[in-house]
Amino acid sequence: MTAPVEYVMARSALIDALIALRDHSSTIILIGAQAVYEWTGEGELAVAVMTTDADLALDANRLDPTPEIAATLTAHGFSRRPGGNPGQWLSSNDIAVDLMVSEHQAGKGRRSAKIPPHESFVARRGRGLAPALIDNELRTIEALSPRDFRRAQVLVASPAALIVAKCIKIKERHEAMQAGERNRIKAKDSLDIFRLLYATETAPLADRFMIHRSSPEADSESREAISFLATRSADTNSLLPQLAAHAADDDAGEVAESFVLLVEELLLRLQELDGQ
């Protein structure tokens, strides 16, 4: 299946960023939808894989002071939109590449991550990223255009780490909406959780969650995400199955039912591991 042109461009921008930041490659982890699709492939859903941007987490505690990231990205053709979000870098084709830092490594502040000597606007702080820092795998990604033969190696957050990030993202947006704030939950984020649950065997997925126990920050966020997953996937009418079903179009009914069953299997396996 031919990838949508927007996804092809997003992959190209990702490779551009990885090449530009190659001196920091050991501290960069691919997160977001492009990481999800690395694990799930196209899958069997009627909804094609699709994303229009790229997301990278920085392990700030291991990040070298040089080369300075903002200057490096600028030298390689990336730019920032005036007044735009911290951490959002635009490729020459105006594709967003977002640099994120886990909340516990981001220093004081509200939006920008403080990782001196790198510029204060270079990355954005975010919750749910701590597991990705310790639970990832080195993989080779390739450009999606038949005329682009480039490839790059990058650490990719595991399915478990990605589920944590997606759950906490949805949880925060849901709580903001309940508080009357202007916010919007993307149903696609829940469908991405379903893709990961469906594509990954339950036992190895649960084993990945147990890796998070080795870090206080990762453990805290992982348990928070699991609790949210459990309470918001209790039946087919719950928040997460309903969001996934909404994004799945023709597969809505099957997705909602499978979502609940897959979560039940995962929770049972995690209980077994916690009891050992």
C-alpha atoms as a PDB file:
ATOM      1  CA  MET A   1       0.000   0.000   0.000  1.00  0.00           C
ATOM      2  CA  THR A   2       1.343   3.406  -0.945  1.00  0.00           C
ATOM      3  CA  ALA A   3       1.778   5.710   2.047  1.00  0.00           C
ATOM      4  CA  PRO A   4      -0.129   9.023   1.988  1.00  0.00           C
ATOM      5  CA  VAL A   5       2.019  11.878   0.713  1.00  0.00           C
ATOM      6  CA  GLU A   6       1.760  13.668   4.085  1.00  0.00           C
ATOM      7  CA  TYR A   7       3.215  10.630   5.848  1.00  0.00           C
ATOM      8  CA  VAL A   8       5.977  10.348   3.255  1.00  0.00           C
ATOM      9  CA  MET A   9       6.908  13.977   3.903  1.00  0.00           C
ATOM     10  CA  ALA A  10       6.787  13.479   7.676  1.00  0.00           C
ATOM     11  CA  ARG A  11       9.197  10.542   7.397  1.00  0.00           C
ATOM     12  CA  SER A  12      11.520  12.627   5.225  1.00  0.00           C
ATOM     13  CA  ALA A  13      11.523  15.421   7.813  1.00  0.00           C
ATOM     14  CA  LEU A  14      12.246  12.893  10.558  1.00  0.00           C
ATOM     15  CA  ILE A  15      15.275  11.566   8.703  1.00  0.00           C
ATOM     16  CA  ASP A  16      16.415  15.140   8.044  1.00  0.00           C
ATOM     17  CA  ALA A  17      16.299  15.815  11.797  1.00  0.00           C
ATOM     18  CA  LEU A  18      18.081  12.588  12.718  1.00  0.00           C
ATOM     19  CA  ILE A  19      20.870  13.339  10.259  1.00  0.00           C
ATOM     20  CA  ALA A  20      21.192  16.886  11.590  1.00  0.00           C
ATOM     21  CA  LEU A  21      21.322  15.640  15.198  1.00  0.00           C
ATOM     22  CA  ARG A  22      23.491  12.577  14.572  1.00  0.00           C
ATOM     23  CA  ASP A  23      26.022  13.717  17.192  1.00  0.00           C
ATOM     24  CA  HIS A  24      23.260  13.359  19.795  1.00  0.00           C
ATOM     25  CA  SER A  25      21.859  10.093  18.405  1.00  0.00           C
ATOM     26  CA  SER A  26      22.442   8.053  21.563  1.00  0.00           C
ATOM     27  CA  THR A  27      20.153  10.399  23.527  1.00  0.00           C
ATOM     28  CA  ILE A  28      17.303  10.665  21.000  1.00  0.00           C
ATOM     29  CA  ILE A  29      14.251   8.383  21.161  1.00  0.00           C
ATOM     30  CA  LEU A  30      11.546   8.238  18.511  1.00  0.00           C
ATOM     31  CA  ILE A  31       8.066   8.569  20.029  1.00  0.00           C
ATOM     32  CA  GLY A  32       4.638   9.448  18.645  1.00  0.00           C
ATOM     33  CA  ALA A  33       2.813   7.948  15.680  1.00  0.00           C
ATOM     34  CA  GLN A  34       5.911   7.170  13.614  1.00  0.00           C
ATOM     35  CA  ALA A  35       7.206   5.076  16.509  1.00  0.00           C
ATOM     36  CA  VAL A  36       3.828   3.333  16.795  1.00  0.00           C
ATOM     37  CA  TYR A  37       3.888   2.366  13.131  1.00  0.00           C
ATOM     38  CA  GLU A  38       7.432   1.022  13.424  1.00  0.00           C
ATOM     39  CA  TRP A  39       5.999  -1.642  15.738  1.00  0.00           C
ATOM     40  CA  THR A  40       2.591  -2.223  14.178  1.00  0.00           C
ATOM     41  CA  GLY A  41       3.132  -1.795  10.456  1.00  0.00           C
ATOM     42  CA  GLU A  42       0.069  -0.988   8.404  1.00  0.00           C
ATOM     43  CA  GLY A  43      -2.080  -3.497  10.290  1.00  0.00           C
ATOM     44  CA  GLU A  44      -5.447  -4.844   9.190  1.00  0.00           C
ATOM     45  CA  LEU A  45      -7.637  -1.842   9.904  1.00  0.00           C
ATOM     46  CA  ALA A  46      -9.530  -0.053   7.151  1.00  0.00           C
ATOM     47  CA  VAL A  47      -7.941   3.181   8.422  1.00  0.00           C
ATOM     48  CA  ALA A  48      -4.499   3.611   6.896  1.00  0.00           C
ATOM     49  CA  VAL A  49      -1.532   4.612   9.018  1.00  0.00           C
ATOM     50  CA  MET A  50      -1.134   8.356   8.818  1.00  0.00           C
ATOM     51  CA  THR A  51       0.754  11.165  10.515  1.00  0.00           C
ATOM     52  CA  THR A  52       1.883  14.605   9.414  1.00  0.00           C
ATOM     53  CA  ASP A  53       4.718  15.232  11.870  1.00  0.00           C
ATOM     54  CA  ALA A  54       7.503  13.591  13.867  1.00  0.00           C
ATOM     55  CA  ASP A  55       8.147  13.433  17.613  1.00  0.00           C
ATOM     56  CA  LEU A  56      11.486  12.900  19.328  1.00  0.00           C
ATOM     57  CA  ALA A  57      12.263  12.645  23.038  1.00  0.00           C
ATOM     58  CA  LEU A  58      15.626  13.812  24.338  1.00  0.00           C
ATOM     59  CA  ASP A  59      17.310  12.093  27.280  1.00  0.00           C
ATOM     60  CA  ALA A  60      18.428  15.377  28.816  1.00  0.00           C
ATOM     61  CA  ASN A  61      20.468  13.753  31.592  1.00  0.00           C
ATOM     62  CA  ARG A  62      22.796  12.233  28.997  1.00  0.00           C
ATOM     63  CA  LEU A  63      22.699  15.027  26.430  1.00  0.00           C
ATOM     64  CA  ASP A  64      26.087  16.477  25.458  1.00  0.00           C
ATOM     65  CA  PRO A  65      26.513  20.269  25.622  1.00  0.00           C
ATOM     66  CA  THR A  66      27.775  20.400  22.047  1.00  0.00           C
ATOM     67  CA  PRO A  67      26.845  20.728  19.298  1.00  0.00           C
ATOM     68  CA  GLU A  68      24.140  23.131  20.437  1.00  0.00           C
ATOM     69  CA  ILE A  69      20.826  21.794  19.167  1.00  0.00           C
ATOM     70  CA  ALA A  70      19.103  25.002  18.058  1.00  0.00           C
ATOM     71  CA  ALA A  71      22.099  26.172  16.041  1.00  0.00           C
ATOM     72  CA  THR A  72      22.521  22.707  14.542  1.00  0.00           C
ATOM     73  CA  LEU A  73      18.917  22.421  13.392  1.00  0.00           C
ATOM     74  CA  THR A  74      18.994  25.940  11.982  1.00  0.00           C
ATOM     75  CA  ALA A  75      22.162  25.155  10.038  1.00  0.00           C
ATOM     76  CA  HIS A  76      20.392  22.147   8.516  1.00  0.00           C
ATOM     77  CA  GLY A  77      17.427  24.132   7.241  1.00  0.00           C
ATOM     78  CA  PHE A  78      15.019  23.849  10.167  1.00  0.00           C
ATOM     79  CA  SER A  79      13.256  26.919  11.520  1.00  0.00           C
ATOM     80  CA  ARG A  80      10.801  27.959  14.209  1.00  0.00           C
ATOM     81  CA  ARG A  81       7.459  29.599  13.545  1.00  0.00           C
ATOM     82  CA  PRO A  82       7.342  33.035  15.235  1.00  0.00           C
ATOM     83  CA  GLY A  83       5.354  32.653  18.430  1.00  0.00           C
ATOM     84  CA  GLY A  84       5.145  28.901  17.938  1.00  0.00           C
ATOM     85  CA  ASN A  85       5.361  26.213  20.573  1.00  0.00           C
ATOM     86  CA  PRO A  86       8.754  25.597  22.160  1.00  0.00           C
ATOM     87  CA  GLY A  87      10.338  22.476  20.764  1.00  0.00           C
ATOM     88  CA  GLN A  88       8.539  22.657  17.419  1.00  0.00           C
ATOM     89  CA  TRP A  89      10.931  22.788  14.479  1.00  0.00           C
ATOM     90  CA  LEU A  90       9.806  23.100  10.875  1.00  0.00           C
ATOM     91  CA  SER A  91      11.592  21.366   8.035  1.00  0.00           C
ATOM     92  CA  SER A  92      12.202  23.055   4.691  1.00  0.00           C
ATOM     93  CA  ASN A  93       8.859  21.539   3.591  1.00  0.00           C
ATOM     94  CA  ASP A  94       7.093  23.033   6.639  1.00  0.00           C
ATOM     95  CA  ILE A  95       6.759  19.665   8.409  1.00  0.00           C
ATOM     96  CA  ALA A  96       6.834  19.840  12.201  1.00  0.00           C
ATOM     97  CA  VAL A  97       9.438  17.895  14.154  1.00  0.00           C
ATOM     98  CA  ASP A  98       8.740  18.209  17.882  1.00  0.00           C
ATOM     99  CA  LEU A  99      11.531  17.787  20.430  1.00  0.00           C
ATOM    100  CA  MET A 100      10.294  16.735  23.867  1.00  0.00           C
ATOM    101  CA  VAL A 101      11.883  16.306  27.294  1.00  0.00           C
ATOM    102  CA  SER A 102      10.436  14.209  30.095  1.00  0.00           C
ATOM    103  CA  GLU A 103       8.952  16.338  32.869  1.00  0.00           C
ATOM    104  CA  HIS A 104      11.425  15.079  35.477  1.00  0.00           C
ATOM    105  CA  GLN A 105      14.381  16.192  33.336  1.00  0.00           C
ATOM    106  CA  ALA A 106      12.936  19.483  32.095  1.00  0.00           C
ATOM    107  CA  GLY A 107      13.831  21.828  34.967  1.00  0.00           C
ATOM    108  CA  LYS A 108      11.579  24.612  36.185  1.00  0.00           C
ATOM    109  CA  GLY A 109       9.018  26.131  33.891  1.00  0.00           C
ATOM    110  CA  ARG A 110       5.640  25.565  32.310  1.00  0.00           C
ATOM    111  CA  ARG A 111       6.226  24.716  28.647  1.00  0.00           C
ATOM    112  CA  SER A 112       9.874  25.001  27.645  1.00  0.00           C
ATOM    113  CA  ALA A 113      12.414  22.429  28.789  1.00  0.00           C
ATOM    114  CA  LYS A 114      15.452  23.939  30.487  1.00  0.00           C
ATOM    115  CA  ILE A 115      18.434  21.946  29.250  1.00  0.00           C
ATOM    116  CA  PRO A 116      21.365  24.397  29.202  1.00  0.00           C
ATOM    117  CA  PRO A 117      23.580  25.170  27.415  1.00  0.00           C
ATOM    118  CA  HIS A 118      20.991  24.389  24.722  1.00  0.00           C
ATOM    119  CA  GLU A 119      18.528  27.197  23.995  1.00  0.00           C
ATOM    120  CA  SER A 120      15.485  27.384  26.262  1.00  0.00           C
ATOM    121  CA  PHE A 121      13.078  27.081  23.327  1.00  0.00           C
ATOM    122  CA  VAL A 122      14.761  24.060  21.779  1.00  0.00           C
ATOM    123  CA  ALA A 123      12.476  21.463  23.393  1.00  0.00           C
ATOM    124  CA  ARG A 124       9.107  21.212  25.125  1.00  0.00           C
ATOM    125  CA  ARG A 125       8.467  19.487  28.438  1.00  0.00           C
ATOM    126  CA  GLY A 126       5.953  16.660  28.607  1.00  0.00           C
ATOM    127  CA  ARG A 127       4.618  13.983  30.933  1.00  0.00           C
ATOM    128  CA  GLY A 128       4.471  10.312  30.004  1.00  0.00           C
ATOM    129  CA  LEU A 129       7.924  10.185  28.442  1.00  0.00           C
ATOM    130  CA  ALA A 130       9.960   8.741  31.324  1.00  0.00           C
ATOM    131  CA  PRO A 131       9.386   5.078  30.314  1.00  0.00           C
ATOM    132  CA  ALA A 132      10.651   5.766  26.785  1.00  0.00           C
ATOM    133  CA  LEU A 133      14.031   6.803  28.196  1.00  0.00           C
ATOM    134  CA  ILE A 134      14.709   3.324  29.586  1.00  0.00           C
ATOM    135  CA  ASP A 135      12.456   1.149  27.415  1.00  0.00           C
ATOM    136  CA  ASN A 136      13.470   1.463  23.795  1.00  0.00           C
ATOM    137  CA  GLU A 137      15.160  -0.422  20.995  1.00  0.00           C
ATOM    138  CA  LEU A 138      17.607   0.573  18.268  1.00  0.00           C
ATOM    139  CA  ARG A 139      16.014   0.234  14.857  1.00  0.00           C
ATOM    140  CA  THR A 140      16.712   1.341  11.299  1.00  0.00           C
ATOM    141  CA  ILE A 141      14.048   3.479   9.682  1.00  0.00           C
ATOM    142  CA  GLU A 142      13.830   4.186   5.978  1.00  0.00           C
ATOM    143  CA  ALA A 143      12.421   6.953   3.843  1.00  0.00           C
ATOM    144  CA  LEU A 144       9.002   6.149   2.377  1.00  0.00           C
ATOM    145  CA  SER A 145       9.449   7.794  -1.018  1.00  0.00           C
ATOM    146  CA  PRO A 146      10.638   5.424  -3.781  1.00  0.00           C
ATOM    147  CA  ARG A 147      13.027   8.194  -4.865  1.00  0.00           C
ATOM    148  CA  ASP A 148      14.544   8.647  -1.398  1.00  0.00           C
ATOM    149  CA  PHE A 149      17.002   5.921  -0.433  1.00  0.00           C
ATOM    150  CA  ARG A 150      18.059   7.381   2.897  1.00  0.00           C
ATOM    151  CA  ARG A 151      17.875   5.488   6.154  1.00  0.00           C
ATOM    152  CA  ALA A 152      18.813   6.259   9.730  1.00  0.00           C
ATOM    153  CA  GLN A 153      19.249   4.410  12.985  1.00  0.00           C
ATOM    154  CA  VAL A 154      17.299   5.639  15.971  1.00  0.00           C
ATOM    155  CA  LEU A 155      16.187   4.394  19.368  1.00  0.00           C
ATOM    156  CA  VAL A 156      12.443   3.710  19.198  1.00  0.00           C
ATOM    157  CA  ALA A 157      10.246   3.738  22.298  1.00  0.00           C
ATOM    158  CA  SER A 158       8.784   0.301  22.989  1.00  0.00           C
ATOM    159  CA  PRO A 159       5.066  -0.491  22.599  1.00  0.00           C
ATOM    160  CA  ALA A 160       4.643  -0.343  26.387  1.00  0.00           C
ATOM    161  CA  ALA A 161       6.369   3.040  26.623  1.00  0.00           C
ATOM    162  CA  LEU A 162       4.242   4.359  23.768  1.00  0.00           C
ATOM    163  CA  ILE A 163       1.033   3.153  25.427  1.00  0.00           C
ATOM    164  CA  VAL A 164       2.058   5.031  28.581  1.00  0.00           C
ATOM    165  CA  ALA A 165       2.683   8.242  26.624  1.00  0.00           C
ATOM    166  CA  LYS A 166      -0.606   7.960  24.728  1.00  0.00           C
ATOM    167  CA  CYS A 167      -2.643   7.165  27.863  1.00  0.00           C
ATOM    168  CA  ILE A 168      -1.237  10.101  29.812  1.00  0.00           C
ATOM    169  CA  LYS A 169      -1.764  12.423  26.842  1.00  0.00           C
ATOM    170  CA  ILE A 170      -5.429  11.422  26.590  1.00  0.00           C
ATOM    171  CA  LYS A 171      -5.851  11.546  30.379  1.00  0.00           C
ATOM    172  CA  GLU A 172      -4.509  15.092  30.610  1.00  0.00           C
ATOM    173  CA  ARG A 173      -6.665  16.325  27.733  1.00  0.00           C
ATOM    174  CA  HIS A 174      -9.743  14.618  29.127  1.00  0.00           C
ATOM    175  CA  GLU A 175      -9.207  16.198  32.544  1.00  0.00           C
ATOM    176  CA  ALA A 176      -8.688  19.597  30.915  1.00  0.00           C
ATOM    177  CA  MET A 177     -11.949  19.263  29.026  1.00  0.00           C
ATOM    178  CA  GLN A 178     -13.793  18.245  32.183  1.00  0.00           C
ATOM    179  CA  ALA A 179     -12.394  21.347  33.879  1.00  0.00           C
ATOM    180  CA  GLY A 180     -13.884  23.484  31.123  1.00  0.00           C
ATOM    181  CA  GLU A 181     -10.611  24.237  29.388  1.00  0.00           C
ATOM    182  CA  ARG A 182     -10.428  24.456  25.636  1.00  0.00           C
ATOM    183  CA  ASN A 183      -8.771  21.216  24.658  1.00  0.00           C
ATOM    184  CA  ARG A 184      -9.346  18.424  22.238  1.00  0.00           C
ATOM    185  CA  ILE A 185      -8.812  14.697  22.542  1.00  0.00           C
ATOM    186  CA  LYS A 186      -7.669  13.075  19.318  1.00  0.00           C
ATOM    187  CA  ALA A 187      -9.503   9.798  18.764  1.00  0.00           C
ATOM    188  CA  LYS A 188      -6.535   8.649  16.697  1.00  0.00           C
ATOM    189  CA  ASP A 189      -4.384   8.499  19.860  1.00  0.00           C
ATOM    190  CA  SER A 190      -6.673   5.834  21.279  1.00  0.00           C
ATOM    191  CA  LEU A 191      -6.649   3.966  17.973  1.00  0.00           C
ATOM    192  CA  ASP A 192      -2.846   3.995  18.170  1.00  0.00           C
ATOM    193  CA  ILE A 193      -3.111   2.357  21.613  1.00  0.00           C
ATOM    194  CA  PHE A 194      -5.323  -0.303  20.040  1.00  0.00           C
ATOM    195  CA  ARG A 195      -2.829  -0.842  17.212  1.00  0.00           C
ATOM    196  CA  LEU A 196      -0.090  -1.458  19.791  1.00  0.00           C
ATOM    197  CA  LEU A 197      -2.220  -3.797  21.902  1.00  0.00           C
ATOM    198  CA  TYR A 198      -3.290  -5.745  18.820  1.00  0.00           C
ATOM    199  CA  ALA A 199       0.152  -6.017  17.217  1.00  0.00           C
ATOM    200  CA  THR A 200       2.081  -7.014  20.350  1.00  0.00           C
ATOM    201  CA  GLU A 201       1.761 -10.346  22.141  1.00  0.00           C
ATOM    202  CA  THR A 202       0.445  -9.845  25.674  1.00  0.00           C
ATOM    203  CA  ALA A 203       3.286 -11.574  27.540  1.00  0.00           C
ATOM    204  CA  PRO A 204       6.194  -9.625  26.003  1.00  0.00           C
ATOM    205  CA  LEU A 205       4.161  -6.418  26.243  1.00  0.00           C
ATOM    206  CA  ALA A 206       3.662  -6.983  29.972  1.00  0.00           C
ATOM    207  CA  ASP A 207       7.369  -7.756  30.352  1.00  0.00           C
ATOM    208  CA  ARG A 208       8.130  -4.364  28.836  1.00  0.00           C
ATOM    209  CA  PHE A 209       5.897  -2.672  31.394  1.00  0.00           C
ATOM    210  CA  MET A 210       7.882  -4.377  34.141  1.00  0.00           C
ATOM    211  CA  ILE A 211      11.053  -2.705  32.844  1.00  0.00           C
ATOM    212  CA  HIS A 212       9.540   0.592  33.949  1.00  0.00           C
ATOM    213  CA  ARG A 213       9.758  -0.558  37.567  1.00  0.00           C
ATOM    214  CA  SER A 214      13.516   0.074  37.509  1.00  0.00           C
ATOM    215  CA  SER A 215      13.085   3.859  37.405  1.00  0.00           C
ATOM    216  CA  PRO A 216      10.990   5.792  39.970  1.00  0.00           C
ATOM    217  CA  GLU A 217       9.850   8.306  37.358  1.00  0.00           C
ATOM    218  CA  ALA A 218       9.065   5.689  34.726  1.00  0.00           C
ATOM    219  CA  ASP A 219       7.330   3.473  37.291  1.00  0.00           C
ATOM    220  CA  SER A 220       5.116   6.320  38.488  1.00  0.00           C
ATOM    221  CA  GLU A 221       3.990   7.299  34.988  1.00  0.00           C
ATOM    222  CA  SER A 222       3.585   3.676  33.907  1.00  0.00           C
ATOM    223  CA  ARG A 223       1.337   2.837  36.872  1.00  0.00           C
ATOM    224  CA  GLU A 224      -0.682   6.008  36.252  1.00  0.00           C
ATOM    225  CA  ALA A 225      -1.191   5.007  32.629  1.00  0.00           C
ATOM    226  CA  ILE A 226      -2.138   1.423  33.505  1.00  0.00           C
ATOM    227  CA  SER A 227      -4.695   2.676  36.023  1.00  0.00           C
ATOM    228  CA  PHE A 228      -6.197   5.001  33.413  1.00  0.00           C
ATOM    229  CA  LEU A 229      -6.207   2.207  30.836  1.00  0.00           C
ATOM    230  CA  ALA A 230      -8.017  -0.080  33.263  1.00  0.00           C
ATOM    231  CA  THR A 231     -10.684   2.375  34.411  1.00  0.00           C
ATOM    232  CA  ARG A 232     -11.322   3.852  30.971  1.00  0.00           C
ATOM    233  CA  SER A 233     -11.533   0.507  29.144  1.00  0.00           C
ATOM    234  CA  ALA A 234     -13.913  -1.337  31.471  1.00  0.00           C
ATOM    235  CA  ASP A 235     -16.449  -1.999  28.699  1.00  0.00           C
ATOM    236  CA  THR A 236     -17.132  -1.074  25.090  1.00  0.00           C
ATOM    237  CA  ASN A 237     -18.867   2.138  26.140  1.00  0.00           C
ATOM    238  CA  SER A 238     -15.815   3.386  28.051  1.00  0.00           C
ATOM    239  CA  LEU A 239     -13.756   6.350  26.905  1.00  0.00           C
ATOM    240  CA  LEU A 240     -10.783   4.619  25.251  1.00  0.00           C
ATOM    241  CA  PRO A 241     -12.665   1.903  23.303  1.00  0.00           C
ATOM    242  CA  GLN A 242     -15.172   4.511  22.144  1.00  0.00           C
ATOM    243  CA  LEU A 243     -12.441   6.881  20.961  1.00  0.00           C
ATOM    244  CA  ALA A 244     -10.676   4.065  19.124  1.00  0.00           C
ATOM    245  CA  ALA A 245     -13.940   2.935  17.561  1.00  0.00           C
ATOM    246  CA  HIS A 246     -14.703   6.486  16.433  1.00  0.00           C
ATOM    247  CA  ALA A 247     -11.352   6.662  14.655  1.00  0.00           C
ATOM    248  CA  ALA A 248     -11.705   3.185  13.156  1.00  0.00           C
ATOM    249  CA  ASP A 249     -14.676   3.976  10.905  1.00  0.00           C
ATOM    250  CA  ASP A 250     -15.880   0.697   9.333  1.00  0.00           C
ATOM    251  CA  ASP A 251     -14.149  -1.419  12.001  1.00  0.00           C
ATOM    252  CA  ALA A 252     -15.733   0.470  14.928  1.00  0.00           C
ATOM    253  CA  GLY A 253     -17.687  -2.351  16.590  1.00  0.00           C
ATOM    254  CA  GLU A 254     -14.911  -4.914  16.318  1.00  0.00           C
ATOM    255  CA  VAL A 255     -12.283  -2.446  17.547  1.00  0.00           C
ATOM    256  CA  ALA A 256     -14.248  -1.505  20.677  1.00  0.00           C
ATOM    257  CA  GLU A 257     -14.797  -5.146  21.656  1.00  0.00           C
ATOM    258  CA  SER A 258     -11.219  -6.174  20.933  1.00  0.00           C
ATOM    259  CA  PHE A 259      -9.883  -3.159  22.809  1.00  0.00           C
ATOM    260  CA  VAL A 260     -11.627  -4.243  26.023  1.00  0.00           C
ATOM    261  CA  LEU A 261     -10.486  -7.865  25.683  1.00  0.00           C
ATOM    262  CA  LEU A 262      -6.871  -6.944  24.967  1.00  0.00           C
ATOM    263  CA  VAL A 263      -6.731  -4.618  27.973  1.00  0.00           C
ATOM    264  CA  GLU A 264      -8.206  -7.354  30.184  1.00  0.00           C
ATOM    265  CA  GLU A 265      -5.515  -9.785  29.004  1.00  0.00           C
ATOM    266  CA  LEU A 266      -2.758  -7.250  29.656  1.00  0.00           C
ATOM    267  CA  LEU A 267      -4.033  -6.370  33.131  1.00  0.00           C
ATOM    268  CA  LEU A 268      -4.306 -10.045  34.073  1.00  0.00           C
ATOM    269  CA  ARG A 269      -0.743 -10.713  32.963  1.00  0.00           C
ATOM    270  CA  LEU A 270       0.546  -7.669  34.862  1.00  0.00           C
ATOM    271  CA  GLN A 271      -1.215  -8.859  38.005  1.00  0.00           C
ATOM    272  CA  GLU A 272       0.476 -12.246  37.607  1.00  0.00           C
ATOM    273  CA  LEU A 273       3.898 -10.625  37.221  1.00  0.00           C
ATOM    274  CA  ASP A 274       3.337  -8.326  40.204  1.00  0.00           C
ATOM    275  CA  GLY A 275       2.465 -11.385  42.293  1.00  0.00           C
ATOM    276  CA  GLN A 276       5.646 -13.273  41.460  1.00  0.00           C
END
